[in-house]
Structures are given as structure tokens and as C-alpha cells.
């Protein structure tokens, strides 16, 4: 099993929306992938309970059967559409993938 964790810091205002609106839109788009990409076994998107300079704005946790499943997710056209949105709204992205 592969856990895929991503953290984003978002721009204050982008694409005509506030940081909070973009965070909720990102959550909506990511959650929609669960029904489109069969390799996703689990998927959660969360927001921090406290704000701060070192705190990310959005967190993604997802689970895949294996590395090939993660790669299929990353290459999937619907995921690539979300990636393009993220490139517009994010100032920082941190990721870690690990095997359990």
C-alpha cells in the first residue's frame, strides 16, 4: 500500500476567489476524483484547525494499492485538470509518498 500526502499553501486571492474559496474549490475537485479514478482506495482533504505562517492551507491524504496505482492516478486526465487548477492557486506544494 502507498500513502500519498500533499500539503498546499494557497495564494491570498487568485482566479477571482479568496484563499478560502479556492481551498473549498480544490477540496471539491479532489473529492470528485474518487468516483473517476478507480485506483484511489481512500481520499481525504482537510483544512487546518489553526492558522499560522508554517501551517499549510489544504492537506490531501490518499491511499493506493501500489506504486503503479499512484502513477495511474497522477497521469489520469481528470487529475491533470486538478493539477492545472492547483498551479494557478498555490504558492507552495509539499508531497510525501510512502509504503506501508
PDB file of N, CA and C in Angstrom:
ATOM      1  N   UNK A   1       0.851  -1.179   0.000  1.00  0.00           N
ATOM      2  CA  UNK A   1       0.000   0.000   0.000  1.00  0.00           C
ATOM      3  C   UNK A   1       0.897   1.243   0.000  1.00  0.00           C
ATOM      4  N   UNK A   2       0.434   2.259  -0.716  1.00  0.00           N
ATOM      5  CA  UNK A   2       1.163   3.523  -0.804  1.00  0.00           C
ATOM      6  C   UNK A   2       0.273   4.638  -0.267  1.00  0.00           C
ATOM      7  N   UNK A   3       0.802   5.388   0.703  1.00  0.00           N
ATOM      8  CA  UNK A   3       0.116   6.590   1.176  1.00  0.00           C
ATOM      9  C   UNK A   3       0.731   7.791   0.457  1.00  0.00           C
ATOM     10  N   UNK A   4      -0.153   8.660   0.006  1.00  0.00           N
ATOM     11  CA  UNK A   4       0.235   9.855  -0.753  1.00  0.00           C
ATOM     12  C   UNK A   4      -0.303  11.053   0.024  1.00  0.00           C
ATOM     13  N   UNK A   5       0.608  11.886   0.540  1.00  0.00           N
ATOM     14  CA  UNK A   5       0.248  13.051   1.340  1.00  0.00           C
ATOM     15  C   UNK A   5       0.735  14.299   0.605  1.00  0.00           C
ATOM     16  N   UNK A   6      -0.163  15.276   0.442  1.00  0.00           N
ATOM     17  CA  UNK A   6       0.207  16.536  -0.195  1.00  0.00           C
ATOM     18  C   UNK A   6      -0.305  17.682   0.670  1.00  0.00           C
ATOM     19  N   UNK A   7       0.529  18.706   0.840  1.00  0.00           N
ATOM     20  CA  UNK A   7       0.165  19.922   1.576  1.00  0.00           C
ATOM     21  C   UNK A   7       0.374  21.119   0.657  1.00  0.00           C
ATOM     22  N   UNK A   8      -0.603  22.028   0.668  1.00  0.00           N
ATOM     23  CA  UNK A   8      -0.505  23.224  -0.151  1.00  0.00           C
ATOM     24  C   UNK A   8      -0.672  24.481   0.684  1.00  0.00           C
ATOM     25  N   UNK A   9       0.082  25.508   0.318  1.00  0.00           N
ATOM     26  CA  UNK A   9      -0.174  26.874   0.774  1.00  0.00           C
ATOM     27  C   UNK A   9      -0.739  27.599  -0.452  1.00  0.00           C
ATOM     28  N   UNK A  10      -1.815  28.328  -0.229  1.00  0.00           N
ATOM     29  CA  UNK A  10      -2.505  28.974  -1.341  1.00  0.00           C
ATOM     30  C   UNK A  10      -2.252  30.474  -1.374  1.00  0.00           C
ATOM     31  N   UNK A  11      -2.399  31.045  -2.565  1.00  0.00           N
ATOM     32  CA  UNK A  11      -2.316  32.490  -2.732  1.00  0.00           C
ATOM     33  C   UNK A  11      -3.502  33.133  -2.019  1.00  0.00           C
ATOM     34  N   UNK A  12      -3.325  34.376  -1.595  1.00  0.00           N
ATOM     35  CA  UNK A  12      -4.401  35.082  -0.880  1.00  0.00           C
ATOM     36  C   UNK A  12      -5.644  35.238  -1.750  1.00  0.00           C
ATOM     37  N   UNK A  13      -5.468  35.650  -2.995  1.00  0.00           N
ATOM     38  CA  UNK A  13      -6.568  35.802  -3.945  1.00  0.00           C
ATOM     39  C   UNK A  13      -6.061  35.337  -5.299  1.00  0.00           C
ATOM     40  N   UNK A  14      -6.853  34.496  -5.951  1.00  0.00           N
ATOM     41  CA  UNK A  14      -6.456  34.030  -7.277  1.00  0.00           C
ATOM     42  C   UNK A  14      -7.683  33.486  -7.990  1.00  0.00           C
ATOM     43  N   UNK A  15      -7.688  33.593  -9.301  1.00  0.00           N
ATOM     44  CA  UNK A  15      -8.771  33.091 -10.151  1.00  0.00           C
ATOM     45  C   UNK A  15     -10.111  33.723  -9.768  1.00  0.00           C
ATOM     46  N   UNK A  16     -10.057  34.943  -9.225  1.00  0.00           N
ATOM     47  CA  UNK A  16     -11.272  35.646  -8.856  1.00  0.00           C
ATOM     48  C   UNK A  16     -11.881  35.234  -7.531  1.00  0.00           C
ATOM     49  N   UNK A  17     -11.171  34.387  -6.774  1.00  0.00           N
ATOM     50  CA  UNK A  17     -11.692  33.892  -5.495  1.00  0.00           C
ATOM     51  C   UNK A  17     -10.700  34.147  -4.369  1.00  0.00           C
ATOM     52  N   UNK A  18     -11.214  34.157  -3.159  1.00  0.00           N
ATOM     53  CA  UNK A  18     -10.365  34.287  -1.975  1.00  0.00           C
ATOM     54  C   UNK A  18      -9.636  32.963  -1.713  1.00  0.00           C
ATOM     55  N   UNK A  19      -8.667  33.002  -0.827  1.00  0.00           N
ATOM     56  CA  UNK A  19      -7.940  31.796  -0.439  1.00  0.00           C
ATOM     57  C   UNK A  19      -8.916  30.724   0.061  1.00  0.00           C
ATOM     58  N   UNK A  20      -9.857  31.115   0.902  1.00  0.00           N
ATOM     59  CA  UNK A  20     -10.812  30.147   1.458  1.00  0.00           C
ATOM     60  C   UNK A  20     -11.700  29.550   0.363  1.00  0.00           C
ATOM     61  N   UNK A  21     -12.168  30.385  -0.551  1.00  0.00           N
ATOM     62  CA  UNK A  21     -12.994  29.877  -1.655  1.00  0.00           C
ATOM     63  C   UNK A  21     -12.201  28.910  -2.529  1.00  0.00           C
ATOM     64  N   UNK A  22     -10.934  29.229  -2.800  1.00  0.00           N
ATOM     65  CA  UNK A  22     -10.094  28.333  -3.592  1.00  0.00           C
ATOM     66  C   UNK A  22      -9.822  27.030  -2.852  1.00  0.00           C
ATOM     67  N   UNK A  23      -9.662  27.098  -1.541  1.00  0.00           N
ATOM     68  CA  UNK A  23      -9.451  25.882  -0.747  1.00  0.00           C
ATOM     69  C   UNK A  23     -10.660  24.959  -0.864  1.00  0.00           C
ATOM     70  N   UNK A  24     -11.862  25.516  -0.743  1.00  0.00           N
ATOM     71  CA  UNK A  24     -13.070  24.696  -0.857  1.00  0.00           C
ATOM     72  C   UNK A  24     -13.259  24.161  -2.275  1.00  0.00           C
ATOM     73  N   UNK A  25     -12.895  24.962  -3.270  1.00  0.00           N
ATOM     74  CA  UNK A  25     -12.990  24.507  -4.660  1.00  0.00           C
ATOM     75  C   UNK A  25     -11.992  23.379  -4.920  1.00  0.00           C
ATOM     76  N   UNK A  26     -10.784  23.493  -4.391  1.00  0.00           N
ATOM     77  CA  UNK A  26      -9.795  22.432  -4.525  1.00  0.00           C
ATOM     78  C   UNK A  26     -10.309  21.151  -3.870  1.00  0.00           C
ATOM     79  N   UNK A  27     -10.870  21.266  -2.688  1.00  0.00           N
ATOM     80  CA  UNK A  27     -11.441  20.104  -1.988  1.00  0.00           C
ATOM     81  C   UNK A  27     -12.522  19.463  -2.849  1.00  0.00           C
ATOM     82  N   UNK A  28     -13.407  20.248  -3.411  1.00  0.00           N
ATOM     83  CA  UNK A  28     -14.487  19.719  -4.244  1.00  0.00           C
ATOM     84  C   UNK A  28     -13.928  18.963  -5.456  1.00  0.00           C
ATOM     85  N   UNK A  29     -12.937  19.562  -6.111  1.00  0.00           N
ATOM     86  CA  UNK A  29     -12.358  18.926  -7.299  1.00  0.00           C
ATOM     87  C   UNK A  29     -11.615  17.639  -6.955  1.00  0.00           C
ATOM     88  N   UNK A  30     -10.881  17.651  -5.863  1.00  0.00           N
ATOM     89  CA  UNK A  30     -10.158  16.443  -5.457  1.00  0.00           C
ATOM     90  C   UNK A  30     -11.124  15.325  -5.060  1.00  0.00           C
ATOM     91  N   UNK A  31     -12.158  15.656  -4.298  1.00  0.00           N
ATOM     92  CA  UNK A  31     -13.121  14.638  -3.880  1.00  0.00           C
ATOM     93  C   UNK A  31     -13.843  14.021  -5.075  1.00  0.00           C
ATOM     94  N   UNK A  32     -14.050  14.787  -6.125  1.00  0.00           N
ATOM     95  CA  UNK A  32     -14.701  14.271  -7.331  1.00  0.00           C
ATOM     96  C   UNK A  32     -13.856  13.193  -8.013  1.00  0.00           C
ATOM     97  N   UNK A  33     -12.545  13.215  -7.792  1.00  0.00           N
ATOM     98  CA  UNK A  33     -11.668  12.213  -8.411  1.00  0.00           C
ATOM     99  C   UNK A  33     -11.932  10.812  -7.885  1.00  0.00           C
ATOM    100  N   UNK A  34     -12.416  10.706  -6.664  1.00  0.00           N
ATOM    101  CA  UNK A  34     -12.657   9.391  -6.047  1.00  0.00           C
ATOM    102  C   UNK A  34     -13.588   8.547  -6.910  1.00  0.00           C
ATOM    103  N   UNK A  35     -14.585   9.156  -7.537  1.00  0.00           N
ATOM    104  CA  UNK A  35     -15.535   8.427  -8.374  1.00  0.00           C
ATOM    105  C   UNK A  35     -15.067   8.261  -9.817  1.00  0.00           C
ATOM    106  N   UNK A  36     -13.960   8.899 -10.176  1.00  0.00           N
ATOM    107  CA  UNK A  36     -13.481   8.858 -11.556  1.00  0.00           C
ATOM    108  C   UNK A  36     -12.227   8.010 -11.741  1.00  0.00           C
ATOM    109  N   UNK A  37     -11.468   7.829 -10.656  1.00  0.00           N
ATOM    110  CA  UNK A  37     -10.181   7.125 -10.762  1.00  0.00           C
ATOM    111  C   UNK A  37     -10.225   5.906  -9.850  1.00  0.00           C
ATOM    112  N   UNK A  38     -10.389   4.722 -10.419  1.00  0.00           N
ATOM    113  CA  UNK A  38     -10.592   3.521  -9.602  1.00  0.00           C
ATOM    114  C   UNK A  38      -9.389   3.137  -8.731  1.00  0.00           C
ATOM    115  N   UNK A  39      -8.214   3.619  -9.056  1.00  0.00           N
ATOM    116  CA  UNK A  39      -7.020   3.281  -8.269  1.00  0.00           C
ATOM    117  C   UNK A  39      -7.026   3.926  -6.880  1.00  0.00           C
ATOM    118  N   UNK A  40      -7.841   4.956  -6.683  1.00  0.00           N
ATOM    119  CA  UNK A  40      -7.919   5.625  -5.380  1.00  0.00           C
ATOM    120  C   UNK A  40      -8.700   4.730  -4.422  1.00  0.00           C
ATOM    121  N   UNK A  41      -8.031   4.246  -3.379  1.00  0.00           N
ATOM    122  CA  UNK A  41      -8.698   3.416  -2.374  1.00  0.00           C
ATOM    123  C   UNK A  41      -9.317   4.273  -1.275  1.00  0.00           C
ATOM    124  N   UNK A  42      -8.611   5.314  -0.868  1.00  0.00           N
ATOM    125  CA  UNK A  42      -9.093   6.246   0.149  1.00  0.00           C
ATOM    126  C   UNK A  42      -8.643   7.636  -0.255  1.00  0.00           C
ATOM    127  N   UNK A  43      -9.439   8.639   0.155  1.00  0.00           N
ATOM    128  CA  UNK A  43      -9.094  10.014  -0.169  1.00  0.00           C
ATOM    129  C   UNK A  43      -9.746  10.924   0.866  1.00  0.00           C
ATOM    130  N   UNK A  44      -8.941  11.779   1.463  1.00  0.00           N
ATOM    131  CA  UNK A  44      -9.425  12.782   2.417  1.00  0.00           C
ATOM    132  C   UNK A  44      -8.760  14.112   2.112  1.00  0.00           C
ATOM    133  N   UNK A  45      -9.527  15.181   2.252  1.00  0.00           N
ATOM    134  CA  UNK A  45      -8.991  16.524   2.124  1.00  0.00           C
ATOM    135  C   UNK A  45      -9.403  17.284   3.369  1.00  0.00           C
ATOM    136  N   UNK A  46      -8.439  17.961   3.984  1.00  0.00           N
ATOM    137  CA  UNK A  46      -8.740  18.683   5.210  1.00  0.00           C
ATOM    138  C   UNK A  46      -8.107  20.054   5.231  1.00  0.00           C
ATOM    139  N   UNK A  47      -8.630  20.855   6.160  1.00  0.00           N
ATOM    140  CA  UNK A  47      -8.143  22.215   6.382  1.00  0.00           C
ATOM    141  C   UNK A  47      -7.616  22.310   7.799  1.00  0.00           C
ATOM    142  N   UNK A  48      -6.638  23.185   8.064  1.00  0.00           N
ATOM    143  CA  UNK A  48      -6.054  23.287   9.404  1.00  0.00           C
ATOM    144  C   UNK A  48      -7.054  23.844  10.420  1.00  0.00           C
ATOM    145  N   UNK A  49      -6.882  23.392  11.652  1.00  0.00           N
ATOM    146  CA  UNK A  49      -7.742  23.914  12.717  1.00  0.00           C
ATOM    147  C   UNK A  49      -7.173  25.200  13.301  1.00  0.00           C
ATOM    148  N   UNK A  50      -5.889  25.451  13.028  1.00  0.00           N
ATOM    149  CA  UNK A  50      -5.252  26.697  13.470  1.00  0.00           C
ATOM    150  C   UNK A  50      -4.483  27.291  12.299  1.00  0.00           C
ATOM    151  N   UNK A  51      -4.417  28.593  12.257  1.00  0.00           N
ATOM    152  CA  UNK A  51      -3.676  29.297  11.201  1.00  0.00           C
ATOM    153  C   UNK A  51      -2.283  29.655  11.720  1.00  0.00           C
ATOM    154  N   UNK A  52      -1.365  29.842  10.809  1.00  0.00           N
ATOM    155  CA  UNK A  52      -0.022  30.249  11.175  1.00  0.00           C
ATOM    156  C   UNK A  52       0.882  30.263   9.968  1.00  0.00           C
ATOM    157  N   UNK A  53       2.009  30.924  10.111  1.00  0.00           N
ATOM    158  CA  UNK A  53       2.934  31.072   8.987  1.00  0.00           C
ATOM    159  C   UNK A  53       3.440  29.725   8.467  1.00  0.00           C
ATOM    160  N   UNK A  54       3.629  28.762   9.352  1.00  0.00           N
ATOM    161  CA  UNK A  54       4.165  27.462   8.945  1.00  0.00           C
ATOM    162  C   UNK A  54       3.072  26.421   8.694  1.00  0.00           C
ATOM    163  N   UNK A  55       1.825  26.842   8.726  1.00  0.00           N
ATOM    164  CA  UNK A  55       0.696  25.925   8.557  1.00  0.00           C
ATOM    165  C   UNK A  55       0.234  25.940   7.101  1.00  0.00           C
ATOM    166  N   UNK A  56       0.050  24.762   6.528  1.00  0.00           N
ATOM    167  CA  UNK A  56      -0.482  24.657   5.166  1.00  0.00           C
ATOM    168  C   UNK A  56      -1.978  24.943   5.169  1.00  0.00           C
ATOM    169  N   UNK A  57      -2.501  25.312   3.998  1.00  0.00           N
ATOM    170  CA  UNK A  57      -3.917  25.665   3.878  1.00  0.00           C
ATOM    171  C   UNK A  57      -4.813  24.474   3.546  1.00  0.00           C
ATOM    172  N   UNK A  58      -4.262  23.492   2.839  1.00  0.00           N
ATOM    173  CA  UNK A  58      -5.033  22.319   2.431  1.00  0.00           C
ATOM    174  C   UNK A  58      -4.135  21.095   2.541  1.00  0.00           C
ATOM    175  N   UNK A  59      -4.712  19.991   3.036  1.00  0.00           N
ATOM    176  CA  UNK A  59      -3.989  18.724   3.132  1.00  0.00           C
ATOM    177  C   UNK A  59      -4.767  17.648   2.385  1.00  0.00           C
ATOM    178  N   UNK A  60      -4.042  16.822   1.647  1.00  0.00           N
ATOM    179  CA  UNK A  60      -4.616  15.680   0.949  1.00  0.00           C
ATOM    180  C   UNK A  60      -3.971  14.411   1.473  1.00  0.00           C
ATOM    181  N   UNK A  61      -4.800  13.444   1.825  1.00  0.00           N
ATOM    182  CA  UNK A  61      -4.337  12.099   2.154  1.00  0.00           C
ATOM    183  C   UNK A  61      -5.027  11.159   1.180  1.00  0.00           C
ATOM    184  N   UNK A  62      -4.267  10.295   0.526  1.00  0.00           N
ATOM    185  CA  UNK A  62      -4.874   9.282  -0.333  1.00  0.00           C
ATOM    186  C   UNK A  62      -4.080   7.991  -0.223  1.00  0.00           C
ATOM    187  N   UNK A  63      -4.757   6.899  -0.557  1.00  0.00           N
ATOM    188  CA  UNK A  63      -4.183   5.564  -0.414  1.00  0.00           C
ATOM    189  C   UNK A  63      -4.354   4.803  -1.718  1.00  0.00           C
ATOM    190  N   UNK A  64      -3.282   4.087  -2.103  1.00  0.00           N
ATOM    191  CA  UNK A  64      -3.264   3.316  -3.335  1.00  0.00           C
ATOM    192  C   UNK A  64      -2.716   1.920  -3.042  1.00  0.00           C
ATOM    193  N   UNK A  65      -3.137   0.968  -3.837  1.00  0.00           N
ATOM    194  CA  UNK A  65      -2.710  -0.427  -3.653  1.00  0.00           C
ATOM    195  C   UNK A  65      -1.197  -0.569  -3.822  1.00  0.00           C
ATOM    196  N   UNK A  66      -0.651   0.165  -4.799  1.00  0.00           N
ATOM    197  CA  UNK A  66       0.774   0.039  -5.097  1.00  0.00           C
ATOM    198  C   UNK A  66       1.249   1.279  -5.858  1.00  0.00           C
ATOM    199  N   UNK A  67       2.531   1.272  -6.173  1.00  0.00           N
ATOM    200  CA  UNK A  67       3.138   2.398  -6.880  1.00  0.00           C
ATOM    201  C   UNK A  67       2.503   2.616  -8.253  1.00  0.00           C
ATOM    202  N   UNK A  68       2.147   1.527  -8.920  1.00  0.00           N
ATOM    203  CA  UNK A  68       1.515   1.631 -10.234  1.00  0.00           C
ATOM    204  C   UNK A  68       0.149   2.327 -10.145  1.00  0.00           C
ATOM    205  N   UNK A  69      -0.589   2.050  -9.076  1.00  0.00           N
ATOM    206  CA  UNK A  69      -1.870   2.717  -8.862  1.00  0.00           C
ATOM    207  C   UNK A  69      -1.701   4.210  -8.652  1.00  0.00           C
ATOM    208  N   UNK A  70      -0.681   4.590  -7.875  1.00  0.00           N
ATOM    209  CA  UNK A  70      -0.383   6.006  -7.664  1.00  0.00           C
ATOM    210  C   UNK A  70      -0.011   6.672  -8.980  1.00  0.00           C
ATOM    211  N   UNK A  71       0.810   5.996  -9.773  1.00  0.00           N
ATOM    212  CA  UNK A  71       1.220   6.561 -11.060  1.00  0.00           C
ATOM    213  C   UNK A  71       0.037   6.712 -12.023  1.00  0.00           C
ATOM    214  N   UNK A  72      -0.878   5.737 -12.013  1.00  0.00           N
ATOM    215  CA  UNK A  72      -2.072   5.829 -12.861  1.00  0.00           C
ATOM    216  C   UNK A  72      -2.917   7.036 -12.452  1.00  0.00           C
ATOM    217  N   UNK A  73      -3.058   7.249 -11.150  1.00  0.00           N
ATOM    218  CA  UNK A  73      -3.784   8.413 -10.624  1.00  0.00           C
ATOM    219  C   UNK A  73      -3.128   9.705 -11.081  1.00  0.00           C
ATOM    220  N   UNK A  74      -1.812   9.778 -10.941  1.00  0.00           N
ATOM    221  CA  UNK A  74      -1.101  11.001 -11.285  1.00  0.00           C
ATOM    222  C   UNK A  74      -1.189  11.338 -12.769  1.00  0.00           C
ATOM    223  N   UNK A  75      -1.268  10.330 -13.618  1.00  0.00           N
ATOM    224  CA  UNK A  75      -1.331  10.547 -15.067  1.00  0.00           C
ATOM    225  C   UNK A  75      -2.759  10.703 -15.579  1.00  0.00           C
ATOM    226  N   UNK A  76      -3.738  10.372 -14.775  1.00  0.00           N
ATOM    227  CA  UNK A  76      -5.135  10.388 -15.213  1.00  0.00           C
ATOM    228  C   UNK A  76      -5.529  11.794 -15.673  1.00  0.00           C
ATOM    229  N   UNK A  77      -6.234  11.912 -16.798  1.00  0.00           N
ATOM    230  CA  UNK A  77      -6.611  13.235 -17.323  1.00  0.00           C
ATOM    231  C   UNK A  77      -7.415  14.092 -16.338  1.00  0.00           C
ATOM    232  N   UNK A  78      -8.293  13.482 -15.559  1.00  0.00           N
ATOM    233  CA  UNK A  78      -9.067  14.265 -14.588  1.00  0.00           C
ATOM    234  C   UNK A  78      -8.175  14.796 -13.473  1.00  0.00           C
ATOM    235  N   UNK A  79      -7.179  14.018 -13.071  1.00  0.00           N
ATOM    236  CA  UNK A  79      -6.219  14.502 -12.073  1.00  0.00           C
ATOM    237  C   UNK A  79      -5.394  15.641 -12.659  1.00  0.00           C
ATOM    238  N   UNK A  80      -5.015  15.524 -13.918  1.00  0.00           N
ATOM    239  CA  UNK A  80      -4.216  16.568 -14.561  1.00  0.00           C
ATOM    240  C   UNK A  80      -4.973  17.896 -14.625  1.00  0.00           C
ATOM    241  N   UNK A  81      -6.298  17.854 -14.753  1.00  0.00           N
ATOM    242  CA  UNK A  81      -7.105  19.084 -14.717  1.00  0.00           C
ATOM    243  C   UNK A  81      -7.015  19.749 -13.344  1.00  0.00           C
ATOM    244  N   UNK A  82      -7.015  18.944 -12.290  1.00  0.00           N
ATOM    245  CA  UNK A  82      -6.872  19.483 -10.930  1.00  0.00           C
ATOM    246  C   UNK A  82      -5.475  20.071 -10.763  1.00  0.00           C
ATOM    247  N   UNK A  83      -4.481  19.413 -11.294  1.00  0.00           N
ATOM    248  CA  UNK A  83      -3.100  19.907 -11.229  1.00  0.00           C
ATOM    249  C   UNK A  83      -3.010  21.304 -11.849  1.00  0.00           C
ATOM    250  N   UNK A  84      -3.658  21.516 -12.978  1.00  0.00           N
ATOM    251  CA  UNK A  84      -3.637  22.826 -13.629  1.00  0.00           C
ATOM    252  C   UNK A  84      -4.289  23.887 -12.742  1.00  0.00           C
ATOM    253  N   UNK A  85      -5.382  23.537 -12.072  1.00  0.00           N
ATOM    254  CA  UNK A  85      -6.031  24.468 -11.145  1.00  0.00           C
ATOM    255  C   UNK A  85      -5.092  24.798  -9.986  1.00  0.00           C
ATOM    256  N   UNK A  86      -4.442  23.782  -9.442  1.00  0.00           N
ATOM    257  CA  UNK A  86      -3.517  23.974  -8.321  1.00  0.00           C
ATOM    258  C   UNK A  86      -2.377  24.906  -8.722  1.00  0.00           C
ATOM    259  N   UNK A  87      -1.874  24.764  -9.917  1.00  0.00           N
ATOM    260  CA  UNK A  87      -0.786  25.628 -10.383  1.00  0.00           C
ATOM    261  C   UNK A  87      -1.195  27.095 -10.375  1.00  0.00           C
ATOM    262  N   UNK A  88      -2.479  27.373 -10.565  1.00  0.00           N
ATOM    263  CA  UNK A  88      -2.988  28.747 -10.538  1.00  0.00           C
ATOM    264  C   UNK A  88      -3.055  29.289  -9.116  1.00  0.00           C
ATOM    265  N   UNK A  89      -3.482  28.461  -8.168  1.00  0.00           N
ATOM    266  CA  UNK A  89      -3.860  28.971  -6.847  1.00  0.00           C
ATOM    267  C   UNK A  89      -2.827  28.750  -5.749  1.00  0.00           C
ATOM    268  N   UNK A  90      -1.848  27.900  -5.978  1.00  0.00           N
ATOM    269  CA  UNK A  90      -0.907  27.542  -4.918  1.00  0.00           C
ATOM    270  C   UNK A  90       0.411  28.300  -5.035  1.00  0.00           C
ATOM    271  N   UNK A  91       0.997  28.597  -3.871  1.00  0.00           N
ATOM    272  CA  UNK A  91       2.339  29.176  -3.834  1.00  0.00           C
ATOM    273  C   UNK A  91       3.365  28.142  -3.384  1.00  0.00           C
ATOM    274  N   UNK A  92       2.878  27.057  -2.774  1.00  0.00           N
ATOM    275  CA  UNK A  92       3.797  26.030  -2.291  1.00  0.00           C
ATOM    276  C   UNK A  92       3.086  24.684  -2.265  1.00  0.00           C
ATOM    277  N   UNK A  93       3.836  23.639  -2.604  1.00  0.00           N
ATOM    278  CA  UNK A  93       3.330  22.264  -2.571  1.00  0.00           C
ATOM    279  C   UNK A  93       4.395  21.386  -1.942  1.00  0.00           C
ATOM    280  N   UNK A  94       3.996  20.603  -0.981  1.00  0.00           N
ATOM    281  CA  UNK A  94       4.875  19.610  -0.346  1.00  0.00           C
ATOM    282  C   UNK A  94       4.224  18.251  -0.511  1.00  0.00           C
ATOM    283  N   UNK A  95       5.014  17.233  -0.803  1.00  0.00           N
ATOM    284  CA  UNK A  95       4.452  15.900  -1.017  1.00  0.00           C
ATOM    285  C   UNK A  95       5.370  14.847  -0.404  1.00  0.00           C
ATOM    286  N   UNK A  96       4.751  13.782   0.077  1.00  0.00           N
ATOM    287  CA  UNK A  96       5.493  12.600   0.504  1.00  0.00           C
ATOM    288  C   UNK A  96       4.651  11.381   0.167  1.00  0.00           C
ATOM    289  N   UNK A  97       5.299  10.387  -0.429  1.00  0.00           N
ATOM    290  CA  UNK A  97       4.680   9.106  -0.710  1.00  0.00           C
ATOM    291  C   UNK A  97       5.484   8.070   0.072  1.00  0.00           C
ATOM    292  N   UNK A  98       4.770   7.169   0.763  1.00  0.00           N
ATOM    293  CA  UNK A  98       5.485   6.126   1.480  1.00  0.00           C
ATOM    294  C   UNK A  98       4.700   4.842   1.506  1.00  0.00           C
ATOM    295  N   UNK A  99       5.447   3.760   1.641  1.00  0.00           N
ATOM    296  CA  UNK A  99       4.846   2.431   1.621  1.00  0.00           C
ATOM    297  C   UNK A  99       4.531   1.973   3.030  1.00  0.00           C
ATOM    298  N   UNK A 100       3.371   1.325   3.170  1.00  0.00           N
ATOM    299  CA  UNK A 100       3.002   0.769   4.474  1.00  0.00           C
ATOM    300  C   UNK A 100       2.823  -0.739   4.350  1.00  0.00           C
TER     301      UNK A 100
END
